[in-house]
N, C-alpha and C. Protein backbone atom coordinates (compact mmCIF):
# COMPACT_ATOMS: atom_id res chain seq x y z
N MET A 1 -4.23 -21.15 36.61
CA MET A 1 -5.50 -21.07 37.20
C MET A 1 -5.33 -20.99 38.71
N SER A 2 -5.74 -20.01 39.45
CA SER A 2 -5.53 -20.09 40.86
C SER A 2 -6.63 -20.56 41.61
N SER A 3 -6.30 -21.23 42.75
CA SER A 3 -7.50 -21.82 43.45
C SER A 3 -7.87 -20.79 44.70
N VAL A 4 -9.10 -20.67 44.85
CA VAL A 4 -9.44 -19.91 45.98
C VAL A 4 -9.89 -20.63 47.13
N LYS A 5 -9.26 -20.27 48.30
CA LYS A 5 -9.42 -20.78 49.62
C LYS A 5 -10.27 -19.83 50.44
N LYS A 6 -11.38 -20.37 51.00
CA LYS A 6 -12.10 -19.57 51.95
C LYS A 6 -12.26 -20.29 53.29
N ALA A 7 -12.23 -19.65 54.29
CA ALA A 7 -12.45 -20.30 55.67
C ALA A 7 -13.83 -19.93 56.02
N LEU A 8 -14.42 -21.09 56.55
CA LEU A 8 -15.88 -20.96 57.08
C LEU A 8 -15.81 -21.29 58.55
N THR A 9 -16.13 -20.30 59.47
CA THR A 9 -16.03 -20.62 60.85
C THR A 9 -17.66 -20.96 61.30
N ILE A 10 -17.56 -22.18 61.83
CA ILE A 10 -18.93 -22.71 62.21
C ILE A 10 -19.12 -22.78 63.59
N ARG A 11 -20.37 -22.17 64.13
CA ARG A 11 -20.64 -22.28 65.59
C ARG A 11 -21.84 -23.23 65.62
N VAL A 12 -21.68 -24.32 66.43
CA VAL A 12 -22.70 -25.40 66.41
C VAL A 12 -23.60 -25.29 67.69
N SER A 13 -24.78 -25.24 67.34
CA SER A 13 -25.81 -25.21 68.60
C SER A 13 -26.44 -26.60 68.66
N GLY A 14 -26.87 -26.77 69.83
CA GLY A 14 -27.72 -28.01 70.24
C GLY A 14 -26.72 -29.02 70.82
N LYS A 15 -27.07 -29.61 71.90
CA LYS A 15 -26.26 -30.47 72.56
C LYS A 15 -25.66 -31.58 71.80
N GLU A 16 -26.58 -32.23 71.05
CA GLU A 16 -26.23 -33.41 70.35
C GLU A 16 -25.34 -33.22 69.24
N ARG A 17 -25.55 -32.08 68.44
CA ARG A 17 -24.74 -31.68 67.26
C ARG A 17 -23.36 -31.37 67.91
N LYS A 18 -23.27 -30.59 69.00
CA LYS A 18 -21.94 -30.29 69.59
C LYS A 18 -21.27 -31.40 69.91
N GLN A 19 -21.77 -32.39 70.47
CA GLN A 19 -21.11 -33.60 70.92
C GLN A 19 -20.64 -34.29 69.63
N LYS A 20 -21.38 -34.49 68.62
CA LYS A 20 -20.92 -35.03 67.25
C LYS A 20 -19.63 -34.39 66.76
N VAL A 21 -19.72 -33.13 66.74
CA VAL A 21 -18.52 -32.20 66.23
C VAL A 21 -17.35 -32.34 67.19
N ARG A 22 -17.53 -32.19 68.41
CA ARG A 22 -16.38 -32.21 69.32
C ARG A 22 -15.83 -33.64 69.41
N LYS A 23 -16.62 -34.68 69.12
CA LYS A 23 -15.87 -36.05 69.13
C LYS A 23 -15.01 -36.21 67.91
N ILE A 24 -15.49 -35.64 66.72
CA ILE A 24 -14.69 -35.88 65.51
C ILE A 24 -13.49 -34.95 65.63
N LEU A 25 -13.57 -33.78 66.15
CA LEU A 25 -12.49 -32.86 66.31
C LEU A 25 -11.45 -33.39 67.34
N TYR A 26 -11.91 -34.03 68.51
CA TYR A 26 -11.13 -34.50 69.32
C TYR A 26 -10.32 -35.76 68.74
N ASP A 27 -11.07 -36.54 67.95
CA ASP A 27 -10.41 -37.60 67.36
C ASP A 27 -9.40 -37.23 66.47
N LEU A 28 -9.65 -36.11 65.48
CA LEU A 28 -8.67 -35.68 64.65
C LEU A 28 -7.36 -35.18 65.34
N ALA A 29 -7.71 -34.36 66.49
CA ALA A 29 -6.49 -33.82 67.27
C ALA A 29 -5.70 -34.91 67.82
N HIS A 30 -6.38 -35.97 68.21
CA HIS A 30 -5.48 -37.14 68.79
C HIS A 30 -4.63 -37.82 67.81
N PHE A 31 -5.27 -37.90 66.69
CA PHE A 31 -4.63 -38.59 65.44
C PHE A 31 -3.36 -37.64 65.07
N ARG A 32 -3.54 -36.36 65.16
CA ARG A 32 -2.51 -35.29 64.89
C ARG A 32 -1.26 -35.52 65.81
N ASN A 33 -1.80 -35.52 67.12
CA ASN A 33 -0.70 -35.78 68.23
C ASN A 33 0.11 -37.19 68.01
N LEU A 34 -0.61 -38.17 67.71
CA LEU A 34 0.06 -39.48 67.47
C LEU A 34 0.92 -39.38 66.36
N LEU A 35 0.61 -38.70 65.31
CA LEU A 35 1.46 -38.70 64.15
C LEU A 35 2.67 -37.73 64.55
N ILE A 36 2.51 -36.71 65.24
CA ILE A 36 3.73 -35.87 65.61
C ILE A 36 4.54 -36.75 66.44
N ILE A 37 4.06 -37.49 67.42
CA ILE A 37 4.83 -38.39 68.28
C ILE A 37 5.57 -39.46 67.52
N LEU A 38 5.02 -40.05 66.50
CA LEU A 38 5.71 -40.95 65.59
C LEU A 38 6.87 -40.43 64.78
N ILE A 39 6.58 -39.26 64.26
CA ILE A 39 7.69 -38.59 63.40
C ILE A 39 8.78 -38.16 64.39
N ASN A 40 8.50 -37.67 65.52
CA ASN A 40 9.56 -37.20 66.59
C ASN A 40 10.36 -38.42 67.06
N HIS A 41 9.65 -39.50 67.32
CA HIS A 41 10.47 -40.67 67.92
C HIS A 41 11.42 -41.13 66.89
N TYR A 42 10.72 -41.42 65.59
CA TYR A 42 11.54 -41.84 64.54
C TYR A 42 12.73 -40.93 64.23
N ARG A 43 12.69 -39.62 64.26
CA ARG A 43 13.64 -38.69 64.07
C ARG A 43 14.73 -38.94 65.17
N VAL A 44 14.42 -39.05 66.42
CA VAL A 44 15.31 -39.16 67.64
C VAL A 44 16.06 -40.54 67.35
N ILE A 45 15.43 -41.52 67.05
CA ILE A 45 16.07 -42.91 67.09
C ILE A 45 16.73 -43.20 65.81
N PHE A 46 16.35 -42.83 64.79
CA PHE A 46 17.08 -43.22 63.25
C PHE A 46 17.70 -41.98 62.73
N LYS A 47 17.72 -40.82 63.39
CA LYS A 47 18.37 -39.59 62.79
C LYS A 47 17.83 -39.06 61.37
N GLU A 48 16.58 -39.53 61.07
CA GLU A 48 16.05 -38.97 59.77
C GLU A 48 14.52 -38.64 60.15
N THR A 49 14.00 -37.71 59.24
CA THR A 49 12.65 -37.30 59.37
C THR A 49 11.71 -37.93 58.47
N LEU A 50 10.58 -38.45 58.95
CA LEU A 50 9.55 -39.00 58.03
C LEU A 50 8.65 -37.88 57.44
N LEU A 51 9.11 -37.37 56.17
CA LEU A 51 8.31 -36.18 55.66
C LEU A 51 7.72 -36.50 54.35
N ASN A 52 7.78 -37.89 53.85
CA ASN A 52 7.25 -38.39 52.73
C ASN A 52 5.60 -38.75 52.96
N GLN A 53 4.92 -37.92 52.37
CA GLN A 53 3.57 -38.22 52.48
C GLN A 53 3.03 -39.48 52.12
N SER A 54 3.59 -39.91 50.92
CA SER A 54 3.17 -41.41 50.37
C SER A 54 3.67 -42.47 51.30
N VAL A 55 4.77 -42.45 51.90
CA VAL A 55 5.21 -43.35 52.78
C VAL A 55 4.43 -43.27 54.12
N LEU A 56 4.09 -42.12 54.62
CA LEU A 56 3.08 -42.27 55.75
C LEU A 56 1.70 -42.71 55.50
N TYR A 57 1.35 -42.53 54.26
CA TYR A 57 -0.12 -43.14 53.85
C TYR A 57 -0.04 -44.55 53.81
N GLY A 58 1.22 -45.05 53.41
CA GLY A 58 1.42 -46.63 53.29
C GLY A 58 1.49 -47.21 54.60
N LEU A 59 2.15 -46.44 55.62
CA LEU A 59 2.31 -47.06 56.82
C LEU A 59 0.86 -47.08 57.47
N LEU A 60 -0.05 -46.27 57.30
CA LEU A 60 -1.29 -46.28 57.76
C LEU A 60 -2.29 -47.19 56.92
N ALA A 61 -2.06 -47.57 55.74
CA ALA A 61 -2.87 -48.43 54.98
C ALA A 61 -2.88 -49.80 55.63
N GLU A 62 -3.92 -50.41 55.39
CA GLU A 62 -4.10 -51.90 55.89
C GLU A 62 -3.19 -52.78 54.95
N LYS A 63 -3.34 -52.45 53.62
CA LYS A 63 -2.78 -53.33 52.69
C LYS A 63 -1.32 -53.04 52.42
N GLY A 64 -0.66 -52.01 53.08
CA GLY A 64 0.83 -51.64 52.86
C GLY A 64 0.85 -50.56 51.58
N TYR A 65 1.95 -50.66 51.00
CA TYR A 65 2.20 -49.55 50.00
C TYR A 65 2.94 -50.23 48.79
N THR A 66 2.31 -49.86 47.60
CA THR A 66 3.06 -50.20 46.39
C THR A 66 3.13 -48.97 45.51
N GLY A 67 4.32 -48.54 45.43
CA GLY A 67 4.38 -47.20 44.56
C GLY A 67 5.72 -46.69 44.31
N THR A 68 5.83 -45.38 44.08
CA THR A 68 7.18 -44.91 43.49
C THR A 68 8.28 -45.06 44.64
N TYR A 69 7.72 -45.04 45.91
CA TYR A 69 8.67 -44.90 47.07
C TYR A 69 8.70 -46.29 47.76
N GLN A 70 8.55 -47.31 47.06
CA GLN A 70 8.61 -48.61 47.56
C GLN A 70 9.91 -48.91 48.49
N GLU A 71 10.87 -48.58 47.96
CA GLU A 71 12.28 -48.94 48.73
C GLU A 71 12.32 -48.02 50.04
N GLU A 72 11.91 -46.76 50.06
CA GLU A 72 11.95 -46.02 51.22
C GLU A 72 10.91 -46.58 52.25
N TYR A 73 9.73 -46.98 51.65
CA TYR A 73 8.57 -47.47 52.57
C TYR A 73 9.19 -48.87 53.32
N GLU A 74 9.69 -49.66 52.56
CA GLU A 74 10.13 -50.88 53.14
C GLU A 74 11.21 -50.62 54.23
N ARG A 75 12.03 -49.78 54.01
CA ARG A 75 13.11 -49.42 54.91
C ARG A 75 12.45 -48.80 56.30
N VAL A 76 11.41 -47.84 56.07
CA VAL A 76 10.78 -47.21 57.26
C VAL A 76 10.01 -48.16 57.93
N LEU A 77 9.43 -49.07 57.28
CA LEU A 77 8.56 -50.11 57.86
C LEU A 77 9.49 -51.12 58.75
N HIS A 78 10.63 -51.38 58.20
CA HIS A 78 11.49 -52.14 58.82
C HIS A 78 11.98 -51.56 60.09
N HIS A 79 12.34 -50.32 60.04
CA HIS A 79 12.71 -49.65 61.24
C HIS A 79 11.55 -49.51 62.35
N VAL A 80 10.51 -49.25 61.89
CA VAL A 80 9.34 -49.17 62.85
C VAL A 80 9.13 -50.55 63.50
N ASN A 81 9.16 -51.68 62.68
CA ASN A 81 8.96 -52.82 63.37
C ASN A 81 10.17 -53.29 64.29
N THR A 82 11.33 -52.78 64.10
CA THR A 82 12.47 -53.08 65.06
C THR A 82 12.28 -52.31 66.35
N ASP A 83 11.60 -51.34 66.45
CA ASP A 83 11.47 -50.55 67.67
C ASP A 83 10.07 -50.81 68.31
N ALA A 84 10.05 -51.23 69.55
CA ALA A 84 8.68 -51.43 70.11
C ALA A 84 7.88 -50.22 70.29
N THR A 85 8.50 -49.19 70.69
CA THR A 85 7.67 -47.98 70.82
C THR A 85 7.12 -47.41 69.55
N LEU A 86 7.96 -47.47 68.53
CA LEU A 86 7.41 -46.97 67.22
C LEU A 86 6.35 -47.88 66.83
N LYS A 87 6.41 -49.12 67.00
CA LYS A 87 5.39 -50.18 66.46
C LYS A 87 4.07 -49.80 67.27
N ASP A 88 4.21 -49.57 68.60
CA ASP A 88 3.15 -49.31 69.42
C ASP A 88 2.24 -48.06 68.85
N VAL A 89 3.08 -46.94 68.74
CA VAL A 89 2.51 -45.66 68.29
C VAL A 89 1.87 -45.88 66.92
N LEU A 90 2.43 -46.66 66.06
CA LEU A 90 1.91 -46.85 64.74
C LEU A 90 0.64 -47.62 64.81
N THR A 91 0.46 -48.60 65.72
CA THR A 91 -0.64 -49.37 66.02
C THR A 91 -1.84 -48.44 66.52
N LYS A 92 -1.34 -47.58 67.45
CA LYS A 92 -2.43 -46.67 67.90
C LYS A 92 -2.96 -45.65 66.90
N LEU A 93 -1.95 -45.29 66.01
CA LEU A 93 -2.18 -44.26 64.93
C LEU A 93 -3.28 -44.87 63.97
N ARG A 94 -3.00 -46.28 63.65
CA ARG A 94 -3.97 -46.82 62.76
C ARG A 94 -5.31 -47.01 63.40
N ASP A 95 -5.38 -47.33 64.80
CA ASP A 95 -6.67 -47.43 65.34
C ASP A 95 -7.38 -46.13 65.31
N GLN A 96 -6.62 -45.08 65.61
CA GLN A 96 -7.28 -43.78 65.67
C GLN A 96 -7.71 -43.33 64.20
N LYS A 97 -7.07 -43.76 63.10
CA LYS A 97 -7.43 -43.49 61.80
C LYS A 97 -8.83 -44.15 61.57
N GLU A 98 -9.06 -45.37 62.07
CA GLU A 98 -10.28 -46.08 61.80
C GLU A 98 -11.36 -45.41 62.63
N LYS A 99 -11.05 -44.82 63.91
CA LYS A 99 -12.03 -44.28 64.70
C LYS A 99 -12.40 -42.87 64.06
N VAL A 100 -11.61 -42.17 63.36
CA VAL A 100 -12.02 -41.07 62.66
C VAL A 100 -12.97 -41.28 61.43
N GLY A 101 -12.67 -42.25 60.64
CA GLY A 101 -13.41 -42.82 59.66
C GLY A 101 -13.68 -41.96 58.37
N ASN A 102 -13.05 -40.79 58.32
CA ASN A 102 -13.15 -39.88 57.20
C ASN A 102 -11.67 -39.74 56.67
N PRO A 103 -11.41 -40.51 55.50
CA PRO A 103 -10.02 -40.37 54.90
C PRO A 103 -9.61 -39.07 54.41
N HIS A 104 -10.53 -38.18 54.05
CA HIS A 104 -10.17 -36.83 53.53
C HIS A 104 -9.89 -35.85 54.65
N PHE A 105 -10.30 -36.11 55.94
CA PHE A 105 -9.88 -35.28 56.99
C PHE A 105 -8.52 -35.86 57.51
N ILE A 106 -8.26 -37.10 57.54
CA ILE A 106 -7.05 -37.90 57.76
C ILE A 106 -5.97 -37.13 56.90
N GLN A 107 -6.25 -37.16 55.63
CA GLN A 107 -5.48 -36.65 54.74
C GLN A 107 -4.78 -35.26 54.76
N SER A 108 -5.98 -34.38 55.20
CA SER A 108 -5.70 -32.93 55.54
C SER A 108 -4.79 -32.89 56.74
N VAL A 109 -4.99 -33.73 57.79
CA VAL A 109 -4.25 -33.55 58.96
C VAL A 109 -2.67 -34.03 58.70
N ILE A 110 -2.58 -35.05 58.02
CA ILE A 110 -1.32 -35.49 57.56
C ILE A 110 -0.45 -34.24 56.82
N ARG A 111 -1.24 -33.73 55.92
CA ARG A 111 -0.54 -32.69 55.14
C ARG A 111 -0.17 -31.53 55.98
N GLN A 112 -1.09 -31.27 56.87
CA GLN A 112 -0.78 -30.07 57.96
C GLN A 112 0.46 -30.36 58.70
N VAL A 113 0.46 -31.50 59.24
CA VAL A 113 1.75 -31.91 60.21
C VAL A 113 2.80 -31.88 59.40
N LEU A 114 2.86 -32.46 58.14
CA LEU A 114 4.09 -32.35 57.30
C LEU A 114 4.50 -30.90 57.03
N LYS A 115 3.49 -29.99 56.85
CA LYS A 115 3.77 -28.60 56.44
C LYS A 115 4.30 -28.08 57.85
N ASP A 116 4.00 -28.29 59.07
CA ASP A 116 4.54 -27.84 60.19
C ASP A 116 5.99 -28.28 60.31
N PHE A 117 6.25 -29.48 60.06
CA PHE A 117 7.67 -30.06 60.20
C PHE A 117 8.47 -29.31 59.18
N LYS A 118 8.02 -29.00 57.93
CA LYS A 118 8.85 -28.34 56.94
C LYS A 118 9.22 -27.06 57.37
N SER A 119 8.24 -26.36 57.89
CA SER A 119 8.30 -24.95 58.31
C SER A 119 9.38 -24.87 59.46
N TYR A 120 9.24 -25.83 60.37
CA TYR A 120 10.23 -25.93 61.51
C TYR A 120 11.69 -26.01 60.90
N PHE A 121 11.97 -26.89 59.95
CA PHE A 121 13.19 -27.17 59.34
C PHE A 121 13.68 -25.94 58.66
N LYS A 122 12.78 -25.27 58.04
CA LYS A 122 13.16 -24.14 57.18
C LYS A 122 13.62 -22.95 58.23
N ALA A 123 12.81 -22.80 59.40
CA ALA A 123 13.04 -21.83 60.32
C ALA A 123 14.44 -22.13 60.98
N LEU A 124 14.67 -23.44 61.17
CA LEU A 124 16.02 -23.86 61.78
C LEU A 124 17.19 -23.52 60.97
N ARG A 125 17.09 -23.62 59.65
CA ARG A 125 18.10 -23.33 58.72
C ARG A 125 18.48 -21.79 58.78
N GLU A 126 17.26 -21.04 58.81
CA GLU A 126 17.38 -19.64 58.68
C GLU A 126 17.99 -19.24 60.00
N TYR A 127 17.66 -19.83 61.11
CA TYR A 127 18.18 -19.58 62.43
C TYR A 127 19.70 -19.77 62.39
N LYS A 128 20.16 -20.82 61.89
CA LYS A 128 21.54 -21.09 61.76
C LYS A 128 22.32 -20.08 60.91
N ARG A 129 21.79 -19.54 59.91
CA ARG A 129 22.25 -18.43 59.04
C ARG A 129 22.27 -17.05 59.89
N ASN A 130 21.12 -16.69 60.45
CA ASN A 130 20.92 -15.35 61.11
C ASN A 130 20.20 -15.53 62.29
N PRO A 131 20.73 -15.89 63.55
CA PRO A 131 20.10 -16.03 64.76
C PRO A 131 19.51 -14.80 65.14
N LYS A 132 19.97 -13.59 64.86
CA LYS A 132 19.49 -12.48 65.30
C LYS A 132 18.02 -12.09 64.77
N LYS A 133 17.61 -12.80 63.85
CA LYS A 133 16.11 -12.65 63.32
C LYS A 133 15.17 -13.34 64.29
N PHE A 134 15.53 -14.22 65.23
CA PHE A 134 14.75 -15.00 66.09
C PHE A 134 14.94 -14.65 67.58
N LYS A 135 13.86 -14.80 68.32
CA LYS A 135 14.02 -14.70 69.89
C LYS A 135 14.73 -15.89 70.47
N GLY A 136 14.62 -16.90 69.94
CA GLY A 136 15.21 -18.24 70.51
C GLY A 136 15.28 -19.15 69.15
N LEU A 137 15.91 -20.36 69.77
CA LEU A 137 16.03 -21.44 68.77
C LEU A 137 14.58 -21.99 68.49
N PRO A 138 14.17 -22.23 67.06
CA PRO A 138 12.89 -22.78 66.76
C PRO A 138 12.65 -24.04 67.50
N ARG A 139 11.51 -24.34 67.75
CA ARG A 139 11.17 -25.65 68.34
C ARG A 139 10.22 -26.57 67.38
N PRO A 140 10.40 -27.87 67.41
CA PRO A 140 9.61 -28.66 66.39
C PRO A 140 8.17 -28.73 66.89
N PRO A 141 7.21 -29.19 66.01
CA PRO A 141 5.87 -29.33 66.41
C PRO A 141 5.77 -30.21 67.51
N LYS A 142 4.90 -30.07 68.49
CA LYS A 142 4.73 -30.95 69.69
C LYS A 142 3.13 -31.32 69.80
N PRO A 143 2.80 -32.35 70.43
CA PRO A 143 1.46 -32.67 70.69
C PRO A 143 0.83 -31.59 71.57
N LYS A 144 -0.50 -31.41 71.22
CA LYS A 144 -1.30 -30.37 72.11
C LYS A 144 -2.01 -31.20 73.21
N LYS A 145 -2.23 -30.50 74.29
CA LYS A 145 -3.08 -31.18 75.23
C LYS A 145 -4.55 -31.15 74.85
N LEU A 146 -5.30 -32.27 74.82
CA LEU A 146 -6.65 -32.37 74.32
C LEU A 146 -7.63 -31.79 75.37
N LYS A 147 -7.35 -31.80 76.52
CA LYS A 147 -8.47 -31.25 77.28
C LYS A 147 -8.62 -29.81 77.28
N PHE A 148 -7.61 -29.06 76.77
CA PHE A 148 -7.75 -27.75 76.27
C PHE A 148 -8.19 -27.37 75.03
N LEU A 149 -8.62 -28.38 74.17
CA LEU A 149 -8.81 -28.13 72.77
C LEU A 149 -10.09 -27.16 72.63
N MET A 150 -9.91 -25.98 72.05
CA MET A 150 -10.92 -25.21 71.92
C MET A 150 -11.23 -24.93 70.48
N ASN A 151 -10.04 -24.72 69.76
CA ASN A 151 -10.24 -24.49 68.21
C ASN A 151 -9.41 -25.52 67.59
N PHE A 152 -9.90 -26.10 66.47
CA PHE A 152 -9.13 -27.04 65.68
C PHE A 152 -9.69 -26.82 64.24
N SER A 153 -8.65 -26.63 63.34
CA SER A 153 -9.27 -26.46 61.92
C SER A 153 -8.68 -27.44 61.09
N VAL A 154 -9.62 -27.99 60.12
CA VAL A 154 -9.41 -29.04 59.21
C VAL A 154 -9.64 -28.37 57.78
N GLU A 155 -8.74 -28.68 56.87
CA GLU A 155 -8.99 -28.27 55.56
C GLU A 155 -9.97 -29.30 54.86
N ALA A 156 -11.04 -28.84 54.25
CA ALA A 156 -11.97 -29.67 53.54
C ALA A 156 -11.89 -29.58 52.19
N ASN A 157 -11.97 -30.58 51.35
CA ASN A 157 -12.02 -30.53 49.99
C ASN A 157 -13.53 -30.84 49.47
N ALA A 158 -13.61 -31.03 48.21
CA ALA A 158 -15.01 -31.30 47.68
C ALA A 158 -15.55 -32.58 48.09
N ASN A 159 -14.78 -33.43 48.55
CA ASN A 159 -15.25 -34.75 49.00
C ASN A 159 -15.76 -34.74 50.37
N THR A 160 -15.45 -33.84 51.13
CA THR A 160 -15.89 -33.72 52.54
C THR A 160 -17.33 -33.07 52.80
N PHE A 161 -17.64 -32.40 51.89
CA PHE A 161 -18.97 -31.61 51.97
C PHE A 161 -19.77 -31.42 50.67
N LYS A 162 -21.02 -31.27 50.59
CA LYS A 162 -21.82 -30.98 49.45
C LYS A 162 -22.77 -29.91 49.76
N GLN A 163 -23.13 -29.07 48.93
CA GLN A 163 -23.95 -27.91 49.04
C GLN A 163 -25.46 -28.30 48.51
N GLU A 164 -26.37 -27.96 49.37
CA GLU A 164 -27.74 -28.10 48.87
C GLU A 164 -28.53 -26.80 49.37
N ARG A 165 -28.78 -26.10 48.22
CA ARG A 165 -29.54 -24.77 48.42
C ARG A 165 -28.74 -23.93 49.28
N ASP A 166 -29.27 -23.43 50.44
CA ASP A 166 -28.37 -22.56 51.23
C ASP A 166 -27.83 -23.26 52.49
N TYR A 167 -27.62 -24.55 52.41
CA TYR A 167 -27.05 -25.44 53.42
C TYR A 167 -25.79 -26.09 52.88
N ILE A 168 -24.82 -26.36 53.82
CA ILE A 168 -23.66 -27.27 53.57
C ILE A 168 -23.88 -28.56 54.50
N LEU A 169 -23.66 -29.65 53.76
CA LEU A 169 -23.85 -30.89 54.58
C LEU A 169 -22.33 -31.36 54.60
N ILE A 170 -21.83 -31.41 55.77
CA ILE A 170 -20.49 -31.83 56.13
C ILE A 170 -20.33 -33.24 56.54
N ARG A 171 -19.67 -34.10 55.78
CA ARG A 171 -19.64 -35.49 56.11
C ARG A 171 -18.88 -35.73 57.29
N LEU A 172 -19.32 -36.22 58.21
CA LEU A 172 -18.52 -36.65 59.48
C LEU A 172 -17.96 -38.04 59.43
N ARG A 173 -18.80 -38.93 59.79
CA ARG A 173 -18.40 -40.36 59.76
C ARG A 173 -19.58 -41.26 59.54
N ASP A 174 -19.43 -42.45 59.20
CA ASP A 174 -20.33 -43.60 59.07
C ASP A 174 -21.58 -43.00 58.26
N GLY A 175 -21.33 -42.23 57.28
CA GLY A 175 -22.52 -41.74 56.53
C GLY A 175 -23.32 -40.61 57.25
N LYS A 176 -22.92 -40.17 58.38
CA LYS A 176 -23.51 -39.00 59.01
C LYS A 176 -23.13 -37.70 58.56
N HIS A 177 -24.01 -36.68 58.54
CA HIS A 177 -23.63 -35.34 58.05
C HIS A 177 -23.98 -34.30 59.20
N LEU A 178 -23.46 -33.20 59.05
CA LEU A 178 -23.73 -32.24 59.81
C LEU A 178 -24.29 -30.93 58.90
N LYS A 179 -25.48 -30.58 59.12
CA LYS A 179 -26.16 -29.60 58.27
C LYS A 179 -26.01 -28.20 58.79
N VAL A 180 -25.29 -27.33 57.91
CA VAL A 180 -24.89 -25.89 58.36
C VAL A 180 -25.63 -24.91 57.43
N LYS A 181 -26.21 -24.06 57.89
CA LYS A 181 -26.89 -23.06 57.11
C LYS A 181 -25.78 -21.96 56.85
N LEU A 182 -25.88 -21.61 55.47
CA LEU A 182 -24.81 -20.61 54.91
C LEU A 182 -25.26 -19.33 55.39
N PRO A 183 -24.34 -18.51 55.60
CA PRO A 183 -24.70 -16.95 56.05
C PRO A 183 -25.15 -16.34 54.76
């Protein structure tokens, strides 16, 4: 059974509504940047990449992680706690997660960042096999400047919105919704 993905581009009018949407998108983009910084610093310091989604969720969880990857989680947490920079970035990342307040959007951003890193490593392997296919050495994902944030996409699942007649109610945070008329 195939899943159908559709993209819905939304233009928001009204000063107050624009501010709400801009604020959550800014917070999500900032979360994305902090996550990229954490993964890059960890890679530079410990020569391995954090690409396990479960371990990343565990690092962000308040109660920790108990699951299949417990050993890996304990090792990564120990590494993070031994380095002051990584510990600081993780604290900021947790604060930003609380600021966003929508765990489904957070999950989507984490998946997207991991997909970006996996694509980078795949391109790097391909570059080593056949450098003529590329214009230059592939570069890893990097944080974006937020003051130039114009477009930001977030994958939504059934938990982030609901449909009422010809409207979609998108859950933002703190029980607030954005009501969008379907075309």
